[in-house]
Full PDB file with SEQRES, HELIX, SHEET, SSBOND, CRYST1, ORIGX, SCALE, CONECT and MASTER records, all heavy atoms in Angstrom:
SEQRES   1 A   42  GLY ILE PHE CYS LEU ARG ASN ALA ILE ALA PRO SER SER          
SEQRES   2 A   42  MET PHE ALA GLY LEU LEU VAL GLU GLU GLY HIS ILE LEU          
SEQRES   3 A   42  VAL ASP ARG ALA MET LYS THR ASN TYR ASP GLY CYS PHE          
SEQRES   4 A   42  ALA CYS GLY                                                  
HELIX    1 AA1 PRO A   11  MET A   14  1                                   4    
SHEET    1 AA1 2 VAL A  20  GLU A  21  0                                        
SHEET    2 AA1 2 HIS A  24  ILE A  25 -1                                        
CRYST1    1.000    1.000    1.000  90.00  90.00  90.00 P 1           1          
ORIGX1      1.000000  0.000000  0.000000        0.00000                         
ORIGX2      0.000000  1.000000  0.000000        0.00000                         
ORIGX3      0.000000  0.000000  1.000000        0.00000                         
SCALE1      1.000000  0.000000  0.000000        0.00000                         
SCALE2      0.000000  1.000000  0.000000        0.00000                         
SCALE3      0.000000  0.000000  1.000000        0.00000                         
ATOM      1  N   GLY A   1      53.585 -11.072  16.125  1.00  0.00           N  
ATOM      2  CA  GLY A   1      55.022 -11.233  16.403  1.00  0.00           C  
ATOM      3  C   GLY A   1      55.634  -9.983  16.752  1.00  0.00           C  
ATOM      4  O   GLY A   1      55.036  -8.852  16.358  1.00  0.00           O  
ATOM      5  N   ILE A   2      56.858  -9.851  17.366  1.00  0.00           N  
ATOM      6  CA  ILE A   2      57.430  -8.656  17.734  1.00  0.00           C  
ATOM      7  C   ILE A   2      58.948  -8.780  17.355  1.00  0.00           C  
ATOM      8  O   ILE A   2      59.678  -9.726  17.716  1.00  0.00           O  
ATOM      9  CB  ILE A   2      57.328  -8.455  19.278  1.00  0.00           C  
ATOM     10  CG1 ILE A   2      55.968  -8.329  19.592  1.00  0.00           C  
ATOM     11  CG2 ILE A   2      58.162  -7.175  19.705  1.00  0.00           C  
ATOM     12  CD1 ILE A   2      55.683  -8.513  21.123  1.00  0.00           C  
ATOM     13  N   PHE A   3      59.404  -7.765  16.561  1.00  0.00           N  
ATOM     14  CA  PHE A   3      60.812  -7.761  16.210  1.00  0.00           C  
ATOM     15  C   PHE A   3      61.529  -6.571  16.916  1.00  0.00           C  
ATOM     16  O   PHE A   3      61.041  -5.492  16.850  1.00  0.00           O  
ATOM     17  CB  PHE A   3      60.920  -7.562  14.672  1.00  0.00           C  
ATOM     18  CG  PHE A   3      60.639  -8.687  13.808  1.00  0.00           C  
ATOM     19  CD1 PHE A   3      59.279  -8.996  13.590  1.00  0.00           C  
ATOM     20  CD2 PHE A   3      61.596  -9.548  13.325  1.00  0.00           C  
ATOM     21  CE1 PHE A   3      59.000 -10.079  12.850  1.00  0.00           C  
ATOM     22  CE2 PHE A   3      61.345 -10.792  12.613  1.00  0.00           C  
ATOM     23  CZ  PHE A   3      59.906 -10.905  12.295  1.00  0.00           C  
ATOM     24  N   CYS A   4      62.576  -6.985  17.614  1.00  0.00           N  
ATOM     25  CA  CYS A   4      63.424  -6.008  18.391  1.00  0.00           C  
ATOM     26  C   CYS A   4      64.740  -5.726  17.519  1.00  0.00           C  
ATOM     27  O   CYS A   4      65.580  -6.694  17.472  1.00  0.00           O  
ATOM     28  CB  CYS A   4      63.640  -6.394  19.766  1.00  0.00           C  
ATOM     29  SG  CYS A   4      62.082  -6.652  20.643  1.00  0.00           S  
ATOM     30  N   LEU A   5      64.834  -4.669  16.785  1.00  0.00           N  
ATOM     31  CA  LEU A   5      66.074  -4.388  16.032  1.00  0.00           C  
ATOM     32  C   LEU A   5      66.966  -3.317  16.718  1.00  0.00           C  
ATOM     33  O   LEU A   5      66.557  -2.240  16.748  1.00  0.00           O  
ATOM     34  CB  LEU A   5      65.585  -3.919  14.678  1.00  0.00           C  
ATOM     35  CG  LEU A   5      64.622  -4.854  13.897  1.00  0.00           C  
ATOM     36  CD1 LEU A   5      64.290  -4.192  12.522  1.00  0.00           C  
ATOM     37  CD2 LEU A   5      65.152  -6.203  13.761  1.00  0.00           C  
ATOM     38  N   ARG A   6      68.020  -3.837  17.398  1.00  0.00           N  
ATOM     39  CA  ARG A   6      68.762  -2.988  18.149  1.00  0.00           C  
ATOM     40  C   ARG A   6      70.240  -3.030  17.727  1.00  0.00           C  
ATOM     41  O   ARG A   6      70.665  -3.944  17.069  1.00  0.00           O  
ATOM     42  CB  ARG A   6      68.715  -3.263  19.572  1.00  0.00           C  
ATOM     43  CG  ARG A   6      67.341  -3.192  20.190  1.00  0.00           C  
ATOM     44  CD  ARG A   6      67.376  -3.308  21.735  1.00  0.00           C  
ATOM     45  NE  ARG A   6      66.063  -3.351  22.312  1.00  0.00           N  
ATOM     46  CZ  ARG A   6      65.492  -4.514  22.778  1.00  0.00           C  
ATOM     47  NH1 ARG A   6      66.123  -5.586  22.571  1.00  0.00           N  
ATOM     48  NH2 ARG A   6      64.340  -4.376  23.311  1.00  0.00           N  
ATOM     49  N   ASN A   7      70.999  -1.977  18.212  1.00  0.00           N  
ATOM     50  CA  ASN A   7      72.454  -1.941  17.901  1.00  0.00           C  
ATOM     51  C   ASN A   7      73.207  -3.056  18.576  1.00  0.00           C  
ATOM     52  O   ASN A   7      74.251  -3.574  18.067  1.00  0.00           O  
ATOM     53  CB  ASN A   7      73.115  -0.594  18.364  1.00  0.00           C  
ATOM     54  CG  ASN A   7      72.697   0.465  17.356  1.00  0.00           C  
ATOM     55  OD1 ASN A   7      72.766   0.221  16.206  1.00  0.00           O  
ATOM     56  ND2 ASN A   7      72.544   1.723  17.859  1.00  0.00           N  
ATOM     57  N   ALA A   8      72.737  -3.566  19.700  1.00  0.00           N  
ATOM     58  CA  ALA A   8      73.346  -4.578  20.568  1.00  0.00           C  
ATOM     59  C   ALA A   8      72.260  -5.585  21.018  1.00  0.00           C  
ATOM     60  O   ALA A   8      71.206  -5.219  21.380  1.00  0.00           O  
ATOM     61  CB  ALA A   8      74.137  -3.945  21.553  1.00  0.00           C  
ATOM     62  N   ILE A   9      72.753  -6.782  21.076  1.00  0.00           N  
ATOM     63  CA  ILE A   9      71.949  -7.834  21.693  1.00  0.00           C  
ATOM     64  C   ILE A   9      72.709  -8.434  22.834  1.00  0.00           C  
ATOM     65  O   ILE A   9      73.995  -8.650  22.766  1.00  0.00           O  
ATOM     66  CB  ILE A   9      71.696  -8.923  20.638  1.00  0.00           C  
ATOM     67  CG1 ILE A   9      70.929  -8.414  19.464  1.00  0.00           C  
ATOM     68  CG2 ILE A   9      70.965 -10.094  21.224  1.00  0.00           C  
ATOM     69  CD1 ILE A   9      70.755  -9.348  18.315  1.00  0.00           C  
ATOM     70  N   ALA A  10      72.034  -8.558  23.890  1.00  0.00           N  
ATOM     71  CA  ALA A  10      72.738  -9.104  25.187  1.00  0.00           C  
ATOM     72  C   ALA A  10      73.321 -10.474  24.820  1.00  0.00           C  
ATOM     73  O   ALA A  10      72.707 -11.329  24.324  1.00  0.00           O  
ATOM     74  CB  ALA A  10      71.759  -9.278  26.314  1.00  0.00           C  
ATOM     75  N   PRO A  11      74.589 -10.697  25.221  1.00  0.00           N  
ATOM     76  CA  PRO A  11      75.344 -11.943  24.868  1.00  0.00           C  
ATOM     77  C   PRO A  11      74.622 -13.182  25.379  1.00  0.00           C  
ATOM     78  O   PRO A  11      74.554 -14.198  24.695  1.00  0.00           O  
ATOM     79  CB  PRO A  11      76.712 -11.758  25.590  1.00  0.00           C  
ATOM     80  CG  PRO A  11      76.861 -10.338  25.678  1.00  0.00           C  
ATOM     81  CD  PRO A  11      75.562  -9.706  25.856  1.00  0.00           C  
ATOM     82  N   SER A  12      73.965 -13.107  26.555  1.00  0.00           N  
ATOM     83  CA  SER A  12      73.227 -14.171  27.069  1.00  0.00           C  
ATOM     84  C   SER A  12      72.015 -14.535  26.278  1.00  0.00           C  
ATOM     85  O   SER A  12      71.578 -15.699  26.153  1.00  0.00           O  
ATOM     86  CB  SER A  12      72.789 -13.864  28.541  1.00  0.00           C  
ATOM     87  OG  SER A  12      72.050 -12.737  28.589  1.00  0.00           O  
ATOM     88  N   SER A  13      71.445 -13.486  25.506  1.00  0.00           N  
ATOM     89  CA  SER A  13      70.340 -13.776  24.558  1.00  0.00           C  
ATOM     90  C   SER A  13      70.798 -14.445  23.334  1.00  0.00           C  
ATOM     91  O   SER A  13      70.092 -15.224  22.658  1.00  0.00           O  
ATOM     92  CB  SER A  13      69.672 -12.436  24.268  1.00  0.00           C  
ATOM     93  OG  SER A  13      68.981 -11.932  25.395  1.00  0.00           O  
ATOM     94  N   MET A  14      72.089 -14.179  22.847  1.00  0.00           N  
ATOM     95  CA  MET A  14      72.616 -14.728  21.608  1.00  0.00           C  
ATOM     96  C   MET A  14      73.059 -16.099  21.941  1.00  0.00           C  
ATOM     97  O   MET A  14      73.001 -16.980  21.086  1.00  0.00           O  
ATOM     98  CB  MET A  14      73.816 -13.898  21.146  1.00  0.00           C  
ATOM     99  CG  MET A  14      73.449 -12.692  20.577  1.00  0.00           C  
ATOM    100  SD  MET A  14      74.853 -11.872  19.743  1.00  0.00           S  
ATOM    101  CE  MET A  14      75.945 -11.461  21.099  1.00  0.00           C  
ATOM    102  N   PHE A  15      73.536 -16.324  23.075  1.00  0.00           N  
ATOM    103  CA  PHE A  15      74.369 -17.554  23.385  1.00  0.00           C  
ATOM    104  C   PHE A  15      73.838 -18.206  24.635  1.00  0.00           C  
ATOM    105  O   PHE A  15      74.155 -17.897  25.860  1.00  0.00           O  
ATOM    106  CB  PHE A  15      75.744 -17.134  23.571  1.00  0.00           C  
ATOM    107  CG  PHE A  15      76.839 -18.378  23.582  1.00  0.00           C  
ATOM    108  CD1 PHE A  15      78.127 -18.114  23.651  1.00  0.00           C  
ATOM    109  CD2 PHE A  15      76.397 -19.630  23.311  1.00  0.00           C  
ATOM    110  CE1 PHE A  15      79.024 -19.160  23.566  1.00  0.00           C  
ATOM    111  CE2 PHE A  15      77.280 -20.672  23.222  1.00  0.00           C  
ATOM    112  CZ  PHE A  15      78.658 -20.458  23.335  1.00  0.00           C  
ATOM    113  N   ALA A  16      72.902 -19.173  24.407  1.00  0.00           N  
ATOM    114  CA  ALA A  16      72.316 -19.895  25.601  1.00  0.00           C  
ATOM    115  C   ALA A  16      73.337 -20.612  26.327  1.00  0.00           C  
ATOM    116  O   ALA A  16      74.286 -21.217  25.869  1.00  0.00           O  
ATOM    117  CB  ALA A  16      71.246 -20.927  25.073  1.00  0.00           C  
ATOM    118  N   GLY A  17      73.264 -20.482  27.581  1.00  0.00           N  
ATOM    119  CA  GLY A  17      74.169 -21.058  28.661  1.00  0.00           C  
ATOM    120  C   GLY A  17      75.339 -20.350  29.018  1.00  0.00           C  
ATOM    121  O   GLY A  17      76.163 -20.814  29.928  1.00  0.00           O  
ATOM    122  N   LEU A  18      75.611 -19.315  28.310  1.00  0.00           N  
ATOM    123  CA  LEU A  18      76.844 -18.360  28.646  1.00  0.00           C  
ATOM    124  C   LEU A  18      76.556 -17.772  30.089  1.00  0.00           C  
ATOM    125  O   LEU A  18      75.492 -17.278  30.394  1.00  0.00           O  
ATOM    126  CB  LEU A  18      76.958 -17.195  27.703  1.00  0.00           C  
ATOM    127  CG  LEU A  18      78.140 -16.291  27.738  1.00  0.00           C  
ATOM    128  CD1 LEU A  18      79.409 -17.068  27.449  1.00  0.00           C  
ATOM    129  CD2 LEU A  18      77.913 -15.134  26.991  1.00  0.00           C  
ATOM    130  N   LEU A  19      77.641 -18.040  30.845  1.00  0.00           N  
ATOM    131  CA  LEU A  19      77.461 -17.508  32.328  1.00  0.00           C  
ATOM    132  C   LEU A  19      77.654 -16.029  32.434  1.00  0.00           C  
ATOM    133  O   LEU A  19      78.677 -15.399  31.862  1.00  0.00           O  
ATOM    134  CB  LEU A  19      78.506 -18.191  33.242  1.00  0.00           C  
ATOM    135  CG  LEU A  19      78.211 -19.656  33.583  1.00  0.00           C  
ATOM    136  CD1 LEU A  19      79.211 -20.225  34.558  1.00  0.00           C  
ATOM    137  CD2 LEU A  19      76.753 -19.896  33.987  1.00  0.00           C  
ATOM    138  N   VAL A  20      76.651 -15.357  32.903  1.00  0.00           N  
ATOM    139  CA  VAL A  20      76.602 -13.904  33.044  1.00  0.00           C  
ATOM    140  C   VAL A  20      76.269 -13.481  34.518  1.00  0.00           C  
ATOM    141  O   VAL A  20      75.352 -14.143  35.079  1.00  0.00           O  
ATOM    142  CB  VAL A  20      75.605 -13.269  32.022  1.00  0.00           C  
ATOM    143  CG1 VAL A  20      75.441 -11.676  32.305  1.00  0.00           C  
ATOM    144  CG2 VAL A  20      76.043 -13.529  30.653  1.00  0.00           C  
ATOM    145  N   GLU A  21      76.847 -12.451  35.015  1.00  0.00           N  
ATOM    146  CA  GLU A  21      76.522 -11.988  36.412  1.00  0.00           C  
ATOM    147  C   GLU A  21      76.367 -10.526  36.415  1.00  0.00           C  
ATOM    148  O   GLU A  21      77.238  -9.748  35.866  1.00  0.00           O  
ATOM    149  CB  GLU A  21      77.627 -12.396  37.319  1.00  0.00           C  
ATOM    150  CG  GLU A  21      77.332 -12.069  38.778  1.00  0.00           C  
ATOM    151  CD  GLU A  21      78.380 -12.528  39.640  1.00  0.00           C  
ATOM    152  OE1 GLU A  21      79.441 -11.867  39.971  1.00  0.00           O  
ATOM    153  OE2 GLU A  21      78.321 -13.731  40.141  1.00  0.00           O  
ATOM    154  N   GLU A  22      75.196 -10.121  36.750  1.00  0.00           N  
ATOM    155  CA  GLU A  22      74.884  -8.580  36.699  1.00  0.00           C  
ATOM    156  C   GLU A  22      75.116  -7.939  35.368  1.00  0.00           C  
ATOM    157  O   GLU A  22      75.686  -6.861  35.336  1.00  0.00           O  
ATOM    158  CB  GLU A  22      75.615  -7.921  37.798  1.00  0.00           C  
ATOM    159  CG  GLU A  22      75.204  -8.362  39.227  1.00  0.00           C  
ATOM    160  CD  GLU A  22      75.992  -7.563  40.260  1.00  0.00           C  
ATOM    161  OE1 GLU A  22      76.876  -6.791  39.987  1.00  0.00           O  
ATOM    162  OE2 GLU A  22      75.597  -7.777  41.562  1.00  0.00           O  
ATOM    163  N   GLY A  23      74.776  -8.643  34.297  1.00  0.00           N  
ATOM    164  CA  GLY A  23      74.804  -8.218  32.991  1.00  0.00           C  
ATOM    165  C   GLY A  23      76.282  -8.239  32.375  1.00  0.00           C  
ATOM    166  O   GLY A  23      76.482  -7.867  31.120  1.00  0.00           O  
ATOM    167  N   HIS A  24      77.241  -8.871  33.058  1.00  0.00           N  
ATOM    168  CA  HIS A  24      78.626  -8.923  32.561  1.00  0.00           C  
ATOM    169  C   HIS A  24      78.956 -10.432  32.307  1.00  0.00           C  
ATOM    170  O   HIS A  24      78.554 -11.319  33.060  1.00  0.00           O  
ATOM    171  CB  HIS A  24      79.583  -8.285  33.384  1.00  0.00           C  
ATOM    172  CG  HIS A  24      79.366  -6.885  33.606  1.00  0.00           C  
ATOM    173  ND1 HIS A  24      79.173  -6.237  34.846  1.00  0.00           N  
ATOM    174  CD2 HIS A  24      79.287  -5.896  32.713  1.00  0.00           C  
ATOM    175  CE1 HIS A  24      78.995  -4.938  34.709  1.00  0.00           C  
ATOM    176  NE2 HIS A  24      79.198  -4.683  33.397  1.00  0.00           N  
ATOM    177  N   ILE A  25      79.723 -10.698  31.231  1.00  0.00           N  
ATOM    178  CA  ILE A  25      80.098 -12.136  31.058  1.00  0.00           C  
ATOM    179  C   ILE A  25      81.258 -12.454  31.991  1.00  0.00           C  
ATOM    180  O   ILE A  25      82.189 -11.783  32.314  1.00  0.00           O  
ATOM    181  CB  ILE A  25      80.716 -12.281  29.562  1.00  0.00           C  
ATOM    182  CG1 ILE A  25      79.648 -11.853  28.529  1.00  0.00           C  
ATOM    183  CG2 ILE A  25      81.243 -13.669  29.318  1.00  0.00           C  
ATOM    184  CD1 ILE A  25      80.254 -11.770  27.127  1.00  0.00           C  
ATOM    185  N   LEU A  26      81.032 -13.736  32.558  1.00  0.00           N  
ATOM    186  CA  LEU A  26      82.043 -14.169  33.658  1.00  0.00           C  
ATOM    187  C   LEU A  26      83.323 -14.743  32.858  1.00  0.00           C  
ATOM    188  O   LEU A  26      83.178 -15.607  32.078  1.00  0.00           O  
ATOM    189  CB  LEU A  26      81.462 -15.142  34.512  1.00  0.00           C  
ATOM    190  CG  LEU A  26      80.469 -14.715  35.525  1.00  0.00           C  
ATOM    191  CD1 LEU A  26      79.780 -15.877  36.334  1.00  0.00           C  
ATOM    192  CD2 LEU A  26      80.982 -13.683  36.496  1.00  0.00           C  
ATOM    193  N   VAL A  27      84.476 -14.223  33.285  1.00  0.00           N  
ATOM    194  CA  VAL A  27      85.758 -14.683  32.616  1.00  0.00           C  
ATOM    195  C   VAL A  27      86.729 -14.915  33.709  1.00  0.00           C  
ATOM    196  O   VAL A  27      86.663 -14.246  34.764  1.00  0.00           O  
ATOM    197  CB  VAL A  27      86.201 -13.675  31.432  1.00  0.00           C  
ATOM    198  CG1 VAL A  27      85.354 -13.586  30.409  1.00  0.00           C  
ATOM    199  CG2 VAL A  27      86.524 -12.300  32.231  1.00  0.00           C  
ATOM    200  N   ASP A  28      87.828 -15.689  33.329  1.00  0.00           N  
ATOM    201  CA  ASP A  28      88.944 -15.739  34.226  1.00  0.00           C  
ATOM    202  C   ASP A  28      90.106 -14.893  33.777  1.00  0.00           C  
ATOM    203  O   ASP A  28      89.831 -13.969  32.926  1.00  0.00           O  
ATOM    204  CB  ASP A  28      89.419 -17.233  34.397  1.00  0.00           C  
ATOM    205  CG  ASP A  28      89.927 -17.775  32.986  1.00  0.00           C  
ATOM    206  OD1 ASP A  28      90.154 -17.038  32.143  1.00  0.00           O  
ATOM    207  OD2 ASP A  28      90.038 -19.058  32.915  1.00  0.00           O  
ATOM    208  N   ARG A  29      91.331 -14.972  34.336  1.00  0.00           N  
ATOM    209  CA  ARG A  29      92.381 -14.118  33.942  1.00  0.00           C  
ATOM    210  C   ARG A  29      92.813 -14.253  32.514  1.00  0.00           C  
ATOM    211  O   ARG A  29      93.421 -13.362  31.967  1.00  0.00           O  
ATOM    212  CB  ARG A  29      93.614 -14.394  34.870  1.00  0.00           C  
ATOM    213  CG  ARG A  29      93.435 -13.980  36.289  1.00  0.00           C  
ATOM    214  CD  ARG A  29      93.741 -12.642  36.486  1.00  0.00           C  
ATOM    215  NE  ARG A  29      95.123 -12.223  36.184  1.00  0.00           N  
ATOM    216  CZ  ARG A  29      95.646 -11.018  36.036  1.00  0.00           C  
ATOM    217  NH1 ARG A  29      94.750  -9.885  36.194  1.00  0.00           N  
ATOM    218  NH2 ARG A  29      96.883 -10.740  35.806  1.00  0.00           N  
ATOM    219  N   ALA A  30      92.478 -15.398  31.833  1.00  0.00           N  
ATOM    220  CA  ALA A  30      92.828 -15.629  30.508  1.00  0.00           C  
ATOM    221  C   ALA A  30      91.689 -15.257  29.570  1.00  0.00           C  
ATOM    222  O   ALA A  30      91.822 -15.487  28.426  1.00  0.00           O  
ATOM    223  CB  ALA A  30      93.143 -16.996  30.242  1.00  0.00           C  
ATOM    224  N   MET A  31      90.639 -14.481  30.179  1.00  0.00           N  
ATOM    225  CA  MET A  31      89.489 -14.035  29.466  1.00  0.00           C  
ATOM    226  C   MET A  31      88.616 -15.172  28.993  1.00  0.00           C  
ATOM    227  O   MET A  31      87.798 -15.076  28.031  1.00  0.00           O  
ATOM    228  CB  MET A  31      89.809 -13.085  28.314  1.00  0.00           C  
ATOM    229  CG  MET A  31      90.833 -12.065  28.591  1.00  0.00           C  
ATOM    230  SD  MET A  31      90.498 -11.155  30.228  1.00  0.00           S  
ATOM    231  CE  MET A  31      88.916 -10.473  29.923  1.00  0.00           C  
ATOM    232  N   LYS A  32      88.794 -16.379  29.551  1.00  0.00           N  
ATOM    233  CA  LYS A  32      88.041 -17.525  29.125  1.00  0.00           C  
ATOM    234  C   LYS A  32      86.662 -17.498  29.779  1.00  0.00           C  
ATOM    235  O   LYS A  32      86.493 -17.202  31.044  1.00  0.00           O  
ATOM    236  CB  LYS A  32      88.712 -18.941  29.479  1.00  0.00           C  
ATOM    237  CG  LYS A  32      88.030 -20.083  29.274  1.00  0.00           C  
ATOM    238  CD  LYS A  32      88.785 -21.322  29.742  1.00  0.00           C  
ATOM    239  CE  LYS A  32      88.060 -22.627  29.438  1.00  0.00           C  
ATOM    240  NZ  LYS A  32      86.699 -22.673  30.141  1.00  0.00           N  
ATOM    241  N   THR A  33      85.592 -17.766  29.119  1.00  0.00           N  
ATOM    242  CA  THR A  33      84.199 -18.008  29.570  1.00  0.00           C  
ATOM    243  C   THR A  33      84.055 -19.315  30.041  1.00  0.00           C  
ATOM    244  O   THR A  33      84.921 -20.125  30.123  1.00  0.00           O  
ATOM    245  CB  THR A  33      83.114 -17.713  28.451  1.00  0.00           C  
ATOM    246  OG1 THR A  33      83.201 -18.625  27.549  1.00  0.00           O  
ATOM    247  CG2 THR A  33      83.480 -16.366  27.776  1.00  0.00           C  
ATOM    248  N   ASN A  34      82.840 -19.693  30.448  1.00  0.00           N  
ATOM    249  CA  ASN A  34      82.446 -21.128  30.845  1.00  0.00           C  
ATOM    250  C   ASN A  34      82.512 -22.038  29.643  1.00  0.00           C  
ATOM    251  O   ASN A  34      82.403 -23.286  29.957  1.00  0.00           O  
ATOM    252  CB  ASN A  34      81.110 -21.084  31.534  1.00  0.00           C  
ATOM    253  CG  ASN A  34      79.947 -20.687  30.638  1.00  0.00           C  
ATOM    254  OD1 ASN A  34      79.934 -19.497  30.223  1.00  0.00           O  
ATOM    255  ND2 ASN A  34      79.003 -21.492  30.488  1.00  0.00           N  
ATOM    256  N   TYR A  35      82.659 -21.652  28.471  1.00  0.00           N  
ATOM    257  CA  TYR A  35      82.754 -22.550  27.299  1.00  0.00           C  
ATOM    258  C   TYR A  35      84.211 -22.674  26.779  1.00  0.00           C  
ATOM    259  O   TYR A  35      84.857 -21.573  26.583  1.00  0.00           O  
ATOM    260  CB  TYR A  35      81.917 -22.041  26.203  1.00  0.00           C  
ATOM    261  CG  TYR A  35      80.307 -22.311  26.210  1.00  0.00           C  
ATOM    262  CD1 TYR A  35      79.504 -21.287  26.569  1.00  0.00           C  
ATOM    263  CD2 TYR A  35      79.880 -23.504  26.128  1.00  0.00           C  
ATOM    264  CE1 TYR A  35      78.200 -21.517  26.635  1.00  0.00           C  
ATOM    265  CE2 TYR A  35      78.599 -23.858  26.177  1.00  0.00           C  
ATOM    266  CZ  TYR A  35      77.643 -22.829  26.507  1.00  0.00           C  
ATOM    267  OH  TYR A  35      76.346 -22.980  26.642  1.00  0.00           O  
ATOM    268  N   ASP A  36      84.663 -23.800  26.706  1.00  0.00           N  
ATOM    269  CA  ASP A  36      86.138 -24.047  26.143  1.00  0.00           C  
ATOM    270  C   ASP A  36      86.157 -23.384  24.698  1.00  0.00           C  
ATOM    271  O   ASP A  36      85.403 -23.698  23.923  1.00  0.00           O  
ATOM    272  CB  ASP A  36      86.387 -25.490  26.114  1.00  0.00           C  
ATOM    273  CG  ASP A  36      86.703 -26.064  27.375  1.00  0.00           C  
ATOM    274  OD1 ASP A  36      86.926 -25.271  28.399  1.00  0.00           O  
ATOM    275  OD2 ASP A  36      86.588 -27.329  27.566  1.00  0.00           O  
ATOM    276  N   GLY A  37      87.158 -22.613  24.517  1.00  0.00           N  
ATOM    277  CA  GLY A  37      87.320 -21.963  23.238  1.00  0.00           C  
ATOM    278  C   GLY A  37      86.693 -20.755  22.999  1.00  0.00           C  
ATOM    279  O   GLY A  37      86.766 -20.078  22.025  1.00  0.00           O  
ATOM    280  N   CYS A  38      85.874 -20.215  23.986  1.00  0.00           N  
ATOM    281  CA  CYS A  38      85.158 -18.959  23.986  1.00  0.00           C  
ATOM    282  C   CYS A  38      85.790 -18.084  25.047  1.00  0.00           C  
ATOM    283  O   CYS A  38      85.882 -18.398  26.186  1.00  0.00           O  
ATOM    284  CB  CYS A  38      83.704 -19.175  24.255  1.00  0.00           C  
ATOM    285  SG  CYS A  38      82.715 -17.677  24.259  1.00  0.00           S  
ATOM    286  N   PHE A  39      86.118 -16.798  24.498  1.00  0.00           N  
ATOM    287  CA  PHE A  39      86.723 -15.770  25.341  1.00  0.00           C  
ATOM    288  C   PHE A  39      86.021 -14.498  25.178  1.00  0.00           C  
ATOM    289  O   PHE A  39      85.241 -14.326  24.194  1.00  0.00           O  
ATOM    290  CB  PHE A  39      88.246 -15.676  24.956  1.00  0.00           C  
ATOM    291  CG  PHE A  39      88.947 -17.001  24.995  1.00  0.00           C  
ATOM    292  CD1 PHE A  39      88.997 -17.762  23.777  1.00  0.00           C  
ATOM    293  CD2 PHE A  39      89.634 -17.428  26.055  1.00  0.00           C  
ATOM    294  CE1 PHE A  39      89.703 -18.991  23.849  1.00  0.00           C  
ATOM    295  CE2 PHE A  39      90.317 -18.592  26.027  1.00  0.00           C  
ATOM    296  CZ  PHE A  39      90.331 -19.407  25.008  1.00  0.00           C  
ATOM    297  N   ALA A  40      86.157 -13.569  26.104  1.00  0.00           N  
ATOM    298  CA  ALA A  40      85.499 -12.370  26.107  1.00  0.00           C  
ATOM    299  C   ALA A  40      86.400 -11.250  26.545  1.00  0.00           C  
ATOM    300  O   ALA A  40      87.353 -11.451  27.334  1.00  0.00           O  
ATOM    301  CB  ALA A  40      84.249 -12.362  27.015  1.00  0.00           C  
ATOM    302  N   CYS A  41      86.105 -10.029  26.121  1.00  0.00           N  
ATOM    303  CA  CYS A  41      87.002  -8.969  26.561  1.00  0.00           C  
ATOM    304  C   CYS A  41      86.266  -7.536  26.425  1.00  0.00           C  
ATOM    305  O   CYS A  41      85.258  -7.428  25.703  1.00  0.00           O  
ATOM    306  CB  CYS A  41      88.279  -8.855  25.579  1.00  0.00           C  
ATOM    307  SG  CYS A  41      87.895  -8.584  23.838  1.00  0.00           S  
ATOM    308  N   GLY A  42      86.743  -6.564  27.086  1.00  0.00           N  
ATOM    309  CA  GLY A  42      86.263  -5.174  27.034  1.00  0.00           C  
ATOM    310  C   GLY A  42      85.118  -5.021  28.107  1.00  0.00           C  
ATOM    311  O   GLY A  42      84.985  -5.609  29.029  1.00  0.00           O  
TER     312      GLY A  42                                                      
MASTER        0    0    0    1    2    0    0    6  311    1    0    4          
END                                                                             
């Protein structure tokens, strides 16, 4: 087995189905992702 212990985990690795493009979470003007109730910022 292999354990990767890092300061940050890619959001797409944590959250299956989250839409990401070129390493960035896709959001609209309200910072909404493709999941209702889920928002992203920064």
